[in-house]
């Protein structure tokens, strides 16, 4: 409910100011401490490290090909450092569903001395919304995208929305 209310407020603000709702949401939720990279820019990039900062179940449902799952709740820089290049100037792009959790992970990388870190604007939702492919845990193309929860699923316009529905009081009995 909290996220739905945030969305309504952000959408109304964005409409009044000519911004997109996603721009407003990211301005509200993020510090803008990490530069964004757009989907269009990412598609053209080569030799990048792509980190998925969503949870394991989200990653297993689908992810951008060649991404490394680093998680969010249990993210440990020490644990993933061995997966990162020794050259701390190599480009790293971090993504999540929309670009909120990924900023937090990217900030940790920046504090650790990585100098070329980007946050994917709009995350995997924007990636899929622009008709880019995602793969499942077996590396097979899929239309499924884990949307974290029902409220966040409004941001995914293409693909199949996957999320766990909250149980009602009646279901719990």
Protein backbone atom coordinates (compact mmCIF):
# COMPACT_ATOMS: atom_id res chain seq x y z
CA UNK A 1 0.00 0.00 0.00
CA UNK A 2 2.87 2.35 0.85
CA UNK A 3 4.34 1.90 -2.63
CA UNK A 4 0.98 2.41 -4.31
CA UNK A 5 0.47 5.69 -2.46
CA UNK A 6 4.00 6.77 -3.40
CA UNK A 7 3.24 5.97 -7.02
CA UNK A 8 0.05 8.05 -7.03
CA UNK A 9 1.83 11.03 -5.49
CA UNK A 10 4.79 10.70 -7.85
CA UNK A 11 2.53 10.33 -10.88
CA UNK A 12 0.50 13.44 -9.98
CA UNK A 13 3.69 15.43 -9.37
CA UNK A 14 5.23 14.23 -12.62
CA UNK A 15 2.15 15.06 -14.66
CA UNK A 16 2.05 18.59 -13.22
CA UNK A 17 5.73 19.17 -13.97
CA UNK A 18 6.01 17.48 -17.37
CA UNK A 19 8.33 14.73 -16.09
CA UNK A 20 7.73 11.07 -16.58
CA UNK A 21 6.44 9.18 -13.58
CA UNK A 22 9.59 7.03 -13.61
CA UNK A 23 11.82 10.13 -13.54
CA UNK A 24 9.92 11.41 -10.54
CA UNK A 25 9.97 8.09 -8.73
CA UNK A 26 13.73 7.72 -9.18
CA UNK A 27 14.32 11.32 -8.08
CA UNK A 28 12.24 10.68 -4.98
CA UNK A 29 13.79 7.31 -4.07
CA UNK A 30 17.42 7.79 -5.17
CA UNK A 31 20.26 10.08 -4.18
CA UNK A 32 21.45 10.39 -7.82
CA UNK A 33 24.91 9.51 -6.49
CA UNK A 34 25.54 7.05 -9.32
CA UNK A 35 25.21 8.06 -12.97
CA UNK A 36 22.48 6.36 -14.94
CA UNK A 37 23.04 4.47 -18.15
CA UNK A 38 20.04 4.10 -20.43
CA UNK A 39 18.93 0.87 -22.05
CA UNK A 40 19.91 2.32 -25.43
CA UNK A 41 23.44 3.07 -24.18
CA UNK A 42 23.81 -0.33 -22.51
CA UNK A 43 22.85 -2.20 -25.68
CA UNK A 44 25.81 -0.53 -27.44
CA UNK A 45 28.34 -1.21 -24.65
CA UNK A 46 30.87 -4.02 -24.85
CA UNK A 47 33.15 -5.53 -22.23
CA UNK A 48 31.08 -4.51 -19.24
CA UNK A 49 30.38 -6.32 -16.00
CA UNK A 50 26.61 -6.56 -15.48
CA UNK A 51 25.41 -7.04 -11.89
CA UNK A 52 21.82 -7.92 -10.98
CA UNK A 53 21.01 -6.58 -7.52
CA UNK A 54 17.63 -8.25 -7.23
CA UNK A 55 16.98 -11.24 -5.00
CA UNK A 56 17.72 -14.79 -6.11
CA UNK A 57 14.09 -15.68 -6.94
CA UNK A 58 13.81 -12.60 -9.15
CA UNK A 59 17.08 -13.43 -10.92
CA UNK A 60 16.09 -17.07 -11.42
CA UNK A 61 12.78 -16.03 -13.00
CA UNK A 62 14.66 -13.94 -15.57
CA UNK A 63 17.65 -11.68 -15.95
CA UNK A 64 19.68 -9.91 -18.60
CA UNK A 65 21.98 -12.41 -20.28
CA UNK A 66 25.48 -12.63 -18.75
CA UNK A 67 24.42 -10.77 -15.60
CA UNK A 68 25.83 -11.88 -12.26
CA UNK A 69 23.38 -12.17 -9.39
CA UNK A 70 24.72 -10.24 -6.38
CA UNK A 71 21.44 -9.77 -4.53
CA UNK A 72 20.40 -6.90 -2.34
CA UNK A 73 19.35 -8.02 1.13
CA UNK A 74 22.40 -10.25 1.51
CA UNK A 75 24.80 -8.28 -0.70
CA UNK A 76 28.37 -8.69 0.56
CA UNK A 77 31.12 -6.90 -1.31
CA UNK A 78 33.76 -9.29 0.06
CA UNK A 79 31.86 -12.22 -1.39
CA UNK A 80 31.50 -10.80 -4.92
CA UNK A 81 34.89 -9.08 -5.13
CA UNK A 82 36.38 -12.23 -6.65
CA UNK A 83 33.84 -11.94 -9.49
CA UNK A 84 34.82 -8.34 -10.22
CA UNK A 85 37.78 -7.21 -12.31
CA UNK A 86 41.03 -6.31 -10.55
CA UNK A 87 41.05 -3.19 -12.73
CA UNK A 88 38.65 -0.97 -10.78
CA UNK A 89 38.16 1.33 -13.78
CA UNK A 90 36.44 -1.37 -15.87
CA UNK A 91 32.79 -0.44 -16.56
CA UNK A 92 30.22 -2.02 -14.23
CA UNK A 93 26.47 -1.66 -14.71
CA UNK A 94 24.20 -2.54 -11.80
CA UNK A 95 20.48 -3.09 -12.28
CA UNK A 96 17.41 -4.15 -10.33
CA UNK A 97 13.70 -3.88 -11.15
CA UNK A 98 13.59 -0.09 -11.67
CA UNK A 99 16.92 1.34 -10.50
CA UNK A 100 16.40 1.91 -6.77
CA UNK A 101 18.09 -1.08 -5.09
CA UNK A 102 20.81 -1.00 -7.74
CA UNK A 103 21.85 2.50 -6.69
CA UNK A 104 22.54 1.23 -3.16
CA UNK A 105 24.71 -1.62 -4.45
CA UNK A 106 26.49 0.70 -6.90
CA UNK A 107 27.25 3.12 -4.04
CA UNK A 108 29.00 0.28 -2.16
CA UNK A 109 31.08 -0.48 -5.24
CA UNK A 110 31.98 3.19 -5.60
CA UNK A 111 33.05 3.37 -1.93
CA UNK A 112 35.25 0.32 -2.55
CA UNK A 113 37.11 2.21 -5.26
CA UNK A 114 35.35 1.15 -8.45
CA UNK A 115 35.37 4.27 -10.59
CA UNK A 116 33.25 3.40 -13.61
CA UNK A 117 29.95 2.26 -12.07
CA UNK A 118 26.53 2.93 -13.59
CA UNK A 119 22.91 2.35 -12.56
CA UNK A 120 20.60 1.06 -15.33
CA UNK A 121 17.81 3.61 -15.66
CA UNK A 122 14.48 1.83 -15.29
CA UNK A 123 16.19 -1.50 -14.54
CA UNK A 124 15.12 -4.79 -16.04
CA UNK A 125 11.59 -3.43 -16.48
CA UNK A 126 12.78 -0.74 -18.89
CA UNK A 127 15.09 -3.29 -20.56
CA UNK A 128 12.11 -5.57 -21.24
CA UNK A 129 9.76 -2.68 -22.07
CA UNK A 130 12.12 -1.80 -24.92
CA UNK A 131 11.84 -5.33 -26.34
CA UNK A 132 15.20 -6.61 -25.16
CA UNK A 133 15.50 -10.29 -24.30
CA UNK A 134 15.77 -11.83 -20.85
CA UNK A 135 16.76 -15.37 -19.94
CA UNK A 136 15.73 -17.73 -17.18
CA UNK A 137 18.00 -19.60 -14.79
CA UNK A 138 18.75 -22.19 -17.51
CA UNK A 139 19.81 -19.50 -19.98
CA UNK A 140 16.66 -19.95 -22.06
CA UNK A 141 14.76 -16.96 -23.46
CA UNK A 142 11.62 -16.17 -21.46
CA UNK A 143 8.89 -13.59 -21.32
CA UNK A 144 8.59 -13.92 -17.52
CA UNK A 145 9.82 -11.03 -15.42
CA UNK A 146 9.64 -11.07 -11.63
CA UNK A 147 8.06 -7.75 -10.66
CA UNK A 148 8.87 -7.94 -6.94
CA UNK A 149 5.24 -7.41 -5.96
CA UNK A 150 1.88 -6.46 -7.45
CA UNK A 151 2.34 -2.72 -6.85
CA UNK A 152 5.66 -2.60 -8.73
CA UNK A 153 4.24 -4.64 -11.62
CA UNK A 154 2.57 -1.51 -13.03
CA UNK A 155 5.98 -0.47 -14.36
CA UNK A 156 6.40 -3.55 -16.56
CA UNK A 157 4.58 -2.98 -19.86
CA UNK A 158 5.88 -5.99 -21.83
CA UNK A 159 6.42 -9.57 -20.79
CA UNK A 160 4.65 -11.74 -18.25
CA UNK A 161 4.46 -10.35 -14.72
CA UNK A 162 5.48 -12.83 -12.03
CA UNK A 163 5.05 -12.07 -8.32
CA UNK A 164 3.70 -13.65 -5.18
CA UNK A 165 0.27 -12.40 -4.30
CA UNK A 166 -0.25 -11.30 -0.73
CA UNK A 167 -2.54 -13.58 1.17
CA UNK A 168 -5.79 -12.04 2.32
CA UNK A 169 -7.00 -12.47 5.88
CA UNK A 170 -9.48 -15.01 4.58
CA UNK A 171 -6.71 -17.04 2.84
CA UNK A 172 -4.69 -17.14 6.07
CA UNK A 173 -7.50 -18.81 8.01
